[in-house]
Amino acid sequence: MLRYFGDDGSVIKDLKYYARYDPNADARKAAISSLKEIHSTKASLFYEHAFDTSDSVRVEALIALGARSMMNLSVEKREKVLYWGLTQEG
């Protein structure tokens, strides 16, 4: 397992921040890629990124979602992300 954890989790907080707010799609994708390697990251974090404006960020988020249990997402959200992921061109 990769060791991204500081004692206070500050690196994880930073990755979440950059995944959400960085204007550069490559930076958002890199943050999501790093977060997907942390097994405790919940599917709900990747759900919001499955609708990103960047194709590469959406793909990375969908890959991360596919590797996790989506049981903590509502049925509606699971349905929406699966439909969105299957119908988008990229």
PDB file of N, CA and C in Angstrom:
ATOM      1  N   MET A   1       0.836  -1.177   0.000  1.00  0.00           N
ATOM      2  CA  MET A   1       0.000   0.000   0.000  1.00  0.00           C
ATOM      3  C   MET A   1       0.882   1.242   0.000  1.00  0.00           C
ATOM      4  N   LEU A   2       0.476   2.226  -0.779  1.00  0.00           N
ATOM      5  CA  LEU A   2       1.237   3.463  -0.836  1.00  0.00           C
ATOM      6  C   LEU A   2       1.112   4.230   0.477  1.00  0.00           C
ATOM      7  N   ARG A   3       2.150   4.899   0.871  1.00  0.00           N
ATOM      8  CA  ARG A   3       2.168   5.640   2.138  1.00  0.00           C
ATOM      9  C   ARG A   3       2.045   7.138   1.862  1.00  0.00           C
ATOM     10  N   TYR A   4       0.825   7.620   1.717  1.00  0.00           N
ATOM     11  CA  TYR A   4       0.580   9.043   1.523  1.00  0.00           C
ATOM     12  C   TYR A   4       0.234   9.731   2.841  1.00  0.00           C
ATOM     13  N   PHE A   5      -0.012   8.963   3.866  1.00  0.00           N
ATOM     14  CA  PHE A   5      -0.568   9.482   5.102  1.00  0.00           C
ATOM     15  C   PHE A   5       0.471  10.203   5.943  1.00  0.00           C
ATOM     16  N   GLY A   6       0.146  11.440   6.323  1.00  0.00           N
ATOM     17  CA  GLY A   6       0.866  12.099   7.408  1.00  0.00           C
ATOM     18  C   GLY A   6       0.085  11.762   8.656  1.00  0.00           C
ATOM     19  N   ASP A   7       0.606  12.121   9.787  1.00  0.00           N
ATOM     20  CA  ASP A   7      -0.111  11.839  11.025  1.00  0.00           C
ATOM     21  C   ASP A   7      -1.469  12.520  11.057  1.00  0.00           C
ATOM     22  N   ASP A   8      -1.558  13.676  10.428  1.00  0.00           N
ATOM     23  CA  ASP A   8      -2.812  14.427  10.467  1.00  0.00           C
ATOM     24  C   ASP A   8      -3.630  14.302   9.182  1.00  0.00           C
ATOM     25  N   GLY A   9      -3.177  13.513   8.235  1.00  0.00           N
ATOM     26  CA  GLY A   9      -3.914  13.328   6.986  1.00  0.00           C
ATOM     27  C   GLY A   9      -3.866  14.534   6.072  1.00  0.00           C
ATOM     28  N   SER A  10      -2.917  15.437   6.274  1.00  0.00           N
ATOM     29  CA  SER A  10      -2.888  16.683   5.505  1.00  0.00           C
ATOM     30  C   SER A  10      -2.647  16.449   4.008  1.00  0.00           C
ATOM     31  N   VAL A  11      -1.881  15.431   3.662  1.00  0.00           N
ATOM     32  CA  VAL A  11      -1.625  15.164   2.247  1.00  0.00           C
ATOM     33  C   VAL A  11      -2.920  14.720   1.565  1.00  0.00           C
ATOM     34  N   ILE A  12      -3.697  13.907   2.243  1.00  0.00           N
ATOM     35  CA  ILE A  12      -4.972  13.460   1.677  1.00  0.00           C
ATOM     36  C   ILE A  12      -5.912  14.645   1.508  1.00  0.00           C
ATOM     37  N   LYS A  13      -5.944  15.527   2.493  1.00  0.00           N
ATOM     38  CA  LYS A  13      -6.772  16.730   2.385  1.00  0.00           C
ATOM     39  C   LYS A  13      -6.347  17.571   1.190  1.00  0.00           C
ATOM     40  N   ASP A  14      -5.037  17.702   0.998  1.00  0.00           N
ATOM     41  CA  ASP A  14      -4.532  18.463  -0.145  1.00  0.00           C
ATOM     42  C   ASP A  14      -4.924  17.804  -1.469  1.00  0.00           C
ATOM     43  N   LEU A  15      -4.797  16.489  -1.544  1.00  0.00           N
ATOM     44  CA  LEU A  15      -5.183  15.788  -2.769  1.00  0.00           C
ATOM     45  C   LEU A  15      -6.661  15.990  -3.082  1.00  0.00           C
ATOM     46  N   LYS A  16      -7.501  15.911  -2.054  1.00  0.00           N
ATOM     47  CA  LYS A  16      -8.936  16.142  -2.252  1.00  0.00           C
ATOM     48  C   LYS A  16      -9.194  17.562  -2.734  1.00  0.00           C
ATOM     49  N   TYR A  17      -8.471  18.514  -2.169  1.00  0.00           N
ATOM     50  CA  TYR A  17      -8.626  19.914  -2.574  1.00  0.00           C
ATOM     51  C   TYR A  17      -8.257  20.087  -4.050  1.00  0.00           C
ATOM     52  N   TYR A  18      -7.099  19.561  -4.440  1.00  0.00           N
ATOM     53  CA  TYR A  18      -6.657  19.716  -5.831  1.00  0.00           C
ATOM     54  C   TYR A  18      -7.547  18.948  -6.806  1.00  0.00           C
ATOM     55  N   ALA A  19      -8.050  17.807  -6.386  1.00  0.00           N
ATOM     56  CA  ALA A  19      -8.969  17.052  -7.245  1.00  0.00           C
ATOM     57  C   ALA A  19     -10.224  17.858  -7.532  1.00  0.00           C
ATOM     58  N   ARG A  20     -10.655  18.638  -6.583  1.00  0.00           N
ATOM     59  CA  ARG A  20     -11.890  19.401  -6.745  1.00  0.00           C
ATOM     60  C   ARG A  20     -11.688  20.778  -7.366  1.00  0.00           C
ATOM     61  N   TYR A  21     -10.632  21.495  -6.969  1.00  0.00           N
ATOM     62  CA  TYR A  21     -10.549  22.916  -7.309  1.00  0.00           C
ATOM     63  C   TYR A  21      -9.460  23.319  -8.296  1.00  0.00           C
ATOM     64  N   ASP A  22      -8.514  22.444  -8.587  1.00  0.00           N
ATOM     65  CA  ASP A  22      -7.445  22.870  -9.485  1.00  0.00           C
ATOM     66  C   ASP A  22      -8.003  23.125 -10.881  1.00  0.00           C
ATOM     67  N   PRO A  23      -7.662  24.256 -11.489  1.00  0.00           N
ATOM     68  CA  PRO A  23      -8.183  24.556 -12.837  1.00  0.00           C
ATOM     69  C   PRO A  23      -7.572  23.675 -13.930  1.00  0.00           C
ATOM     70  N   ASN A  24      -6.456  23.043 -13.643  1.00  0.00           N
ATOM     71  CA  ASN A  24      -5.775  22.208 -14.617  1.00  0.00           C
ATOM     72  C   ASN A  24      -6.303  20.774 -14.536  1.00  0.00           C
ATOM     73  N   ALA A  25      -6.842  20.284 -15.644  1.00  0.00           N
ATOM     74  CA  ALA A  25      -7.417  18.938 -15.676  1.00  0.00           C
ATOM     75  C   ALA A  25      -6.380  17.854 -15.374  1.00  0.00           C
ATOM     76  N   ASP A  26      -5.144  18.043 -15.825  1.00  0.00           N
ATOM     77  CA  ASP A  26      -4.105  17.053 -15.548  1.00  0.00           C
ATOM     78  C   ASP A  26      -3.803  16.968 -14.047  1.00  0.00           C
ATOM     79  N   ALA A  27      -3.852  18.098 -13.361  1.00  0.00           N
ATOM     80  CA  ALA A  27      -3.632  18.102 -11.910  1.00  0.00           C
ATOM     81  C   ALA A  27      -4.789  17.407 -11.195  1.00  0.00           C
ATOM     82  N   ARG A  28      -6.027  17.661 -11.643  1.00  0.00           N
ATOM     83  CA  ARG A  28      -7.189  16.982 -11.042  1.00  0.00           C
ATOM     84  C   ARG A  28      -7.091  15.481 -11.254  1.00  0.00           C
ATOM     85  N   LYS A  29      -6.708  15.083 -12.468  1.00  0.00           N
ATOM     86  CA  LYS A  29      -6.575  13.654 -12.779  1.00  0.00           C
ATOM     87  C   LYS A  29      -5.487  13.014 -11.924  1.00  0.00           C
ATOM     88  N   ALA A  30      -4.358  13.687 -11.763  1.00  0.00           N
ATOM     89  CA  ALA A  30      -3.261  13.149 -10.951  1.00  0.00           C
ATOM     90  C   ALA A  30      -3.689  12.991  -9.493  1.00  0.00           C
ATOM     91  N   ALA A  31      -4.436  13.955  -8.978  1.00  0.00           N
ATOM     92  CA  ALA A  31      -4.914  13.870  -7.594  1.00  0.00           C
ATOM     93  C   ALA A  31      -5.869  12.692  -7.429  1.00  0.00           C
ATOM     94  N   ILE A  32      -6.771  12.523  -8.380  1.00  0.00           N
ATOM     95  CA  ILE A  32      -7.721  11.403  -8.324  1.00  0.00           C
ATOM     96  C   ILE A  32      -6.984  10.076  -8.444  1.00  0.00           C
ATOM     97  N   SER A  33      -6.003  10.034  -9.318  1.00  0.00           N
ATOM     98  CA  SER A  33      -5.211   8.818  -9.488  1.00  0.00           C
ATOM     99  C   SER A  33      -4.500   8.442  -8.188  1.00  0.00           C
ATOM    100  N   SER A  34      -3.987   9.426  -7.488  1.00  0.00           N
ATOM    101  CA  SER A  34      -3.333   9.163  -6.202  1.00  0.00           C
ATOM    102  C   SER A  34      -4.342   8.725  -5.152  1.00  0.00           C
ATOM    103  N   LEU A  35      -5.496   9.390  -5.122  1.00  0.00           N
ATOM    104  CA  LEU A  35      -6.524   9.046  -4.137  1.00  0.00           C
ATOM    105  C   LEU A  35      -7.096   7.647  -4.348  1.00  0.00           C
ATOM    106  N   LYS A  36      -7.147   7.201  -5.603  1.00  0.00           N
ATOM    107  CA  LYS A  36      -7.717   5.868  -5.849  1.00  0.00           C
ATOM    108  C   LYS A  36      -6.829   4.763  -5.299  1.00  0.00           C
ATOM    109  N   GLU A  37      -5.544   5.052  -5.075  1.00  0.00           N
ATOM    110  CA  GLU A  37      -4.624   4.065  -4.504  1.00  0.00           C
ATOM    111  C   GLU A  37      -4.783   3.948  -2.996  1.00  0.00           C
ATOM    112  N   ILE A  38      -5.479   4.881  -2.389  1.00  0.00           N
ATOM    113  CA  ILE A  38      -5.714   4.854  -0.944  1.00  0.00           C
ATOM    114  C   ILE A  38      -7.027   4.132  -0.717  1.00  0.00           C
ATOM    115  N   HIS A  39      -6.959   2.925  -0.214  1.00  0.00           N
ATOM    116  CA  HIS A  39      -8.119   2.036  -0.139  1.00  0.00           C
ATOM    117  C   HIS A  39      -9.249   2.558   0.737  1.00  0.00           C
ATOM    118  N   SER A  40      -8.939   3.446   1.660  1.00  0.00           N
ATOM    119  CA  SER A  40      -9.993   3.969   2.531  1.00  0.00           C
ATOM    120  C   SER A  40     -10.809   5.092   1.887  1.00  0.00           C
ATOM    121  N   THR A  41     -10.410   5.530   0.688  1.00  0.00           N
ATOM    122  CA  THR A  41     -11.153   6.588   0.008  1.00  0.00           C
ATOM    123  C   THR A  41     -12.504   6.045  -0.442  1.00  0.00           C
ATOM    124  N   LYS A  42     -13.550   6.719  -0.058  1.00  0.00           N
ATOM    125  CA  LYS A  42     -14.913   6.256  -0.339  1.00  0.00           C
ATOM    126  C   LYS A  42     -15.341   6.577  -1.776  1.00  0.00           C
ATOM    127  N   ALA A  43     -16.251   5.783  -2.292  1.00  0.00           N
ATOM    128  CA  ALA A  43     -16.755   5.950  -3.653  1.00  0.00           C
ATOM    129  C   ALA A  43     -17.388   7.322  -3.858  1.00  0.00           C
ATOM    130  N   SER A  44     -17.986   7.875  -2.813  1.00  0.00           N
ATOM    131  CA  SER A  44     -18.661   9.168  -2.962  1.00  0.00           C
ATOM    132  C   SER A  44     -17.703  10.273  -3.395  1.00  0.00           C
ATOM    133  N   LEU A  45     -16.425  10.176  -3.028  1.00  0.00           N
ATOM    134  CA  LEU A  45     -15.455  11.176  -3.467  1.00  0.00           C
ATOM    135  C   LEU A  45     -15.295  11.122  -4.983  1.00  0.00           C
ATOM    136  N   PHE A  46     -15.250   9.933  -5.533  1.00  0.00           N
ATOM    137  CA  PHE A  46     -15.054   9.787  -6.973  1.00  0.00           C
ATOM    138  C   PHE A  46     -16.331  10.071  -7.756  1.00  0.00           C
ATOM    139  N   TYR A  47     -17.469   9.906  -7.110  1.00  0.00           N
ATOM    140  CA  TYR A  47     -18.753  10.148  -7.775  1.00  0.00           C
ATOM    141  C   TYR A  47     -18.817  11.559  -8.345  1.00  0.00           C
ATOM    142  N   GLU A  48     -18.462  12.553  -7.544  1.00  0.00           N
ATOM    143  CA  GLU A  48     -18.567  13.937  -8.021  1.00  0.00           C
ATOM    144  C   GLU A  48     -17.636  14.201  -9.197  1.00  0.00           C
ATOM    145  N   HIS A  49     -16.520  13.478  -9.263  1.00  0.00           N
ATOM    146  CA  HIS A  49     -15.560  13.684 -10.351  1.00  0.00           C
ATOM    147  C   HIS A  49     -15.945  12.923 -11.619  1.00  0.00           C
ATOM    148  N   ALA A  50     -16.902  12.045 -11.522  1.00  0.00           N
ATOM    149  CA  ALA A  50     -17.368  11.320 -12.707  1.00  0.00           C
ATOM    150  C   ALA A  50     -18.113  12.246 -13.665  1.00  0.00           C
ATOM    151  N   PHE A  51     -18.406  13.468 -13.222  1.00  0.00           N
ATOM    152  CA  PHE A  51     -19.123  14.443 -14.049  1.00  0.00           C
ATOM    153  C   PHE A  51     -18.249  15.657 -14.360  1.00  0.00           C
ATOM    154  N   ASP A  52     -16.945  15.510 -14.247  1.00  0.00           N
ATOM    155  CA  ASP A  52     -15.995  16.588 -14.514  1.00  0.00           C
ATOM    156  C   ASP A  52     -16.090  17.023 -15.973  1.00  0.00           C
ATOM    157  N   THR A  53     -15.633  18.228 -16.254  1.00  0.00           N
ATOM    158  CA  THR A  53     -15.649  18.740 -17.625  1.00  0.00           C
ATOM    159  C   THR A  53     -14.588  18.079 -18.502  1.00  0.00           C
ATOM    160  N   SER A  54     -13.586  17.483 -17.880  1.00  0.00           N
ATOM    161  CA  SER A  54     -12.499  16.841 -18.620  1.00  0.00           C
ATOM    162  C   SER A  54     -12.756  15.351 -18.799  1.00  0.00           C
ATOM    163  N   ASP A  55     -12.605  14.883 -20.029  1.00  0.00           N
ATOM    164  CA  ASP A  55     -12.767  13.456 -20.309  1.00  0.00           C
ATOM    165  C   ASP A  55     -11.809  12.597 -19.482  1.00  0.00           C
ATOM    166  N   SER A  56     -10.545  13.013 -19.407  1.00  0.00           N
ATOM    167  CA  SER A  56      -9.554  12.189 -18.713  1.00  0.00           C
ATOM    168  C   SER A  56      -9.831  12.115 -17.212  1.00  0.00           C
ATOM    169  N   VAL A  57     -10.349  13.182 -16.636  1.00  0.00           N
ATOM    170  CA  VAL A  57     -10.701  13.171 -15.210  1.00  0.00           C
ATOM    171  C   VAL A  57     -11.900  12.251 -14.986  1.00  0.00           C
ATOM    172  N   ARG A  58     -12.894  12.331 -15.866  1.00  0.00           N
ATOM    173  CA  ARG A  58     -14.071  11.459 -15.753  1.00  0.00           C
ATOM    174  C   ARG A  58     -13.667   9.996 -15.833  1.00  0.00           C
ATOM    175  N   VAL A  59     -12.810   9.668 -16.778  1.00  0.00           N
ATOM    176  CA  VAL A  59     -12.368   8.274 -16.941  1.00  0.00           C
ATOM    177  C   VAL A  59     -11.648   7.802 -15.687  1.00  0.00           C
ATOM    178  N   GLU A  60     -10.757   8.612 -15.156  1.00  0.00           N
ATOM    179  CA  GLU A  60     -10.020   8.237 -13.941  1.00  0.00           C
ATOM    180  C   GLU A  60     -10.976   8.015 -12.773  1.00  0.00           C
ATOM    181  N   ALA A  61     -11.978   8.877 -12.650  1.00  0.00           N
ATOM    182  CA  ALA A  61     -12.964   8.738 -11.572  1.00  0.00           C
ATOM    183  C   ALA A  61     -13.802   7.470 -11.758  1.00  0.00           C
ATOM    184  N   LEU A  62     -14.179   7.170 -12.983  1.00  0.00           N
ATOM    185  CA  LEU A  62     -14.971   5.965 -13.244  1.00  0.00           C
ATOM    186  C   LEU A  62     -14.163   4.696 -12.979  1.00  0.00           C
ATOM    187  N   ILE A  63     -12.882   4.723 -13.301  1.00  0.00           N
ATOM    188  CA  ILE A  63     -12.014   3.585 -12.998  1.00  0.00           C
ATOM    189  C   ILE A  63     -11.941   3.380 -11.488  1.00  0.00           C
ATOM    190  N   ALA A  64     -11.782   4.484 -10.761  1.00  0.00           N
ATOM    191  CA  ALA A  64     -11.723   4.396  -9.291  1.00  0.00           C
ATOM    192  C   ALA A  64     -13.045   3.890  -8.725  1.00  0.00           C
ATOM    193  N   LEU A  65     -14.156   4.348  -9.276  1.00  0.00           N
ATOM    194  CA  LEU A  65     -15.467   3.875  -8.818  1.00  0.00           C
ATOM    195  C   LEU A  65     -15.636   2.386  -9.074  1.00  0.00           C
ATOM    196  N   GLY A  66     -15.160   1.927 -10.207  1.00  0.00           N
ATOM    197  CA  GLY A  66     -15.294   0.519 -10.557  1.00  0.00           C
ATOM    198  C   GLY A  66     -14.538  -0.409  -9.623  1.00  0.00           C
ATOM    199  N   ALA A  67     -13.522   0.135  -8.947  1.00  0.00           N
ATOM    200  CA  ALA A  67     -12.710  -0.676  -8.046  1.00  0.00           C
ATOM    201  C   ALA A  67     -13.232  -0.654  -6.610  1.00  0.00           C
ATOM    202  N   ARG A  68     -14.349   0.037  -6.386  1.00  0.00           N
ATOM    203  CA  ARG A  68     -14.893   0.181  -5.028  1.00  0.00           C
ATOM    204  C   ARG A  68     -16.333  -0.263  -4.961  1.00  0.00           C
ATOM    205  N   SER A  69     -16.746  -0.563  -3.763  1.00  0.00           N
ATOM    206  CA  SER A  69     -18.155  -0.838  -3.539  1.00  0.00           C
ATOM    207  C   SER A  69     -18.909   0.484  -3.592  1.00  0.00           C
ATOM    208  N   MET A  70     -19.959   0.525  -4.360  1.00  0.00           N
ATOM    209  CA  MET A  70     -20.759   1.743  -4.463  1.00  0.00           C
ATOM    210  C   MET A  70     -21.997   1.662  -3.583  1.00  0.00           C
ATOM    211  N   MET A  71     -21.989   0.769  -2.613  1.00  0.00           N
ATOM    212  CA  MET A  71     -23.164   0.587  -1.761  1.00  0.00           C
ATOM    213  C   MET A  71     -23.477   1.817  -0.912  1.00  0.00           C
ATOM    214  N   ASN A  72     -22.483   2.677  -0.661  1.00  0.00           N
ATOM    215  CA  ASN A  72     -22.775   3.874   0.118  1.00  0.00           C
ATOM    216  C   ASN A  72     -23.390   4.984  -0.741  1.00  0.00           C
ATOM    217  N   LEU A  73     -23.502   4.732  -2.053  1.00  0.00           N
ATOM    218  CA  LEU A  73     -24.201   5.665  -2.940  1.00  0.00           C
ATOM    219  C   LEU A  73     -25.647   5.219  -3.083  1.00  0.00           C
ATOM    220  N   SER A  74     -26.541   6.179  -3.213  1.00  0.00           N
ATOM    221  CA  SER A  74     -27.949   5.829  -3.417  1.00  0.00           C
ATOM    222  C   SER A  74     -28.109   5.115  -4.763  1.00  0.00           C
ATOM    223  N   VAL A  75     -29.184   4.395  -4.907  1.00  0.00           N
ATOM    224  CA  VAL A  75     -29.455   3.693  -6.160  1.00  0.00           C
ATOM    225  C   VAL A  75     -29.510   4.695  -7.308  1.00  0.00           C
ATOM    226  N   GLU A  76     -30.111   5.843  -7.069  1.00  0.00           N
ATOM    227  CA  GLU A  76     -30.217   6.873  -8.108  1.00  0.00           C
ATOM    228  C   GLU A  76     -28.835   7.347  -8.557  1.00  0.00           C
ATOM    229  N   LYS A  77     -27.936   7.552  -7.593  1.00  0.00           N
ATOM    230  CA  LYS A  77     -26.584   7.999  -7.942  1.00  0.00           C
ATOM    231  C   LYS A  77     -25.821   6.913  -8.692  1.00  0.00           C
ATOM    232  N   ARG A  78     -25.984   5.668  -8.267  1.00  0.00           N
ATOM    233  CA  ARG A  78     -25.318   4.563  -8.976  1.00  0.00           C
ATOM    234  C   ARG A  78     -25.804   4.481 -10.415  1.00  0.00           C
ATOM    235  N   GLU A  79     -27.101   4.603 -10.577  1.00  0.00           N
ATOM    236  CA  GLU A  79     -27.703   4.551 -11.907  1.00  0.00           C
ATOM    237  C   GLU A  79     -27.209   5.709 -12.776  1.00  0.00           C
ATOM    238  N   LYS A  80     -27.191   6.891 -12.191  1.00  0.00           N
ATOM    239  CA  LYS A  80     -26.769   8.087 -12.931  1.00  0.00           C
ATOM    240  C   LYS A  80     -25.320   7.984 -13.394  1.00  0.00           C
ATOM    241  N   VAL A  81     -24.421   7.566 -12.495  1.00  0.00           N
ATOM    242  CA  VAL A  81     -23.014   7.502 -12.861  1.00  0.00           C
ATOM    243  C   VAL A  81     -22.762   6.405 -13.890  1.00  0.00           C
ATOM    244  N   LEU A  82     -23.448   5.291 -13.784  1.00  0.00           N
ATOM    245  CA  LEU A  82     -23.278   4.232 -14.781  1.00  0.00           C
ATOM    246  C   LEU A  82     -23.786   4.677 -16.154  1.00  0.00           C
ATOM    247  N   TYR A  83     -24.950   5.299 -16.170  1.00  0.00           N
ATOM    248  CA  TYR A  83     -25.506   5.792 -17.446  1.00  0.00           C
ATOM    249  C   TYR A  83     -24.583   6.838 -18.044  1.00  0.00           C
ATOM    250  N   TRP A  84     -24.164   7.804 -17.221  1.00  0.00           N
ATOM    251  CA  TRP A  84     -23.288   8.887 -17.699  1.00  0.00           C
ATOM    252  C   TRP A  84     -21.980   8.309 -18.236  1.00  0.00           C
ATOM    253  N   GLY A  85     -21.391   7.391 -17.499  1.00  0.00           N
ATOM    254  CA  GLY A  85     -20.114   6.820 -17.903  1.00  0.00           C
ATOM    255  C   GLY A  85     -20.200   6.017 -19.187  1.00  0.00           C
ATOM    256  N   LEU A  86     -21.331   5.395 -19.428  1.00  0.00           N
ATOM    257  CA  LEU A  86     -21.489   4.578 -20.629  1.00  0.00           C
ATOM    258  C   LEU A  86     -21.882   5.386 -21.861  1.00  0.00           C
ATOM    259  N   THR A  87     -22.446   6.574 -21.656  1.00  0.00           N
ATOM    260  CA  THR A  87     -22.945   7.336 -22.799  1.00  0.00           C
ATOM    261  C   THR A  87     -22.053   8.480 -23.237  1.00  0.00           C
ATOM    262  N   GLN A  88     -21.039   8.827 -22.467  1.00  0.00           N
ATOM    263  CA  GLN A  88     -20.184   9.951 -22.837  1.00  0.00           C
ATOM    264  C   GLN A  88     -19.144   9.530 -23.864  1.00  0.00           C
ATOM    265  N   GLU A  89     -18.941  10.422 -24.820  1.00  0.00           N
ATOM    266  CA  GLU A  89     -17.900  10.186 -25.823  1.00  0.00           C
ATOM    267  C   GLU A  89     -16.598  10.751 -25.306  1.00  0.00           C
ATOM    268  N   GLY A  90     -15.509  10.150 -25.663  1.00  0.00           N
ATOM    269  CA  GLY A  90     -14.237  10.693 -25.204  1.00  0.00           C
ATOM    270  C   GLY A  90     -13.068   9.968 -25.724  1.00  0.00           C
TER     271      GLY A  90
END
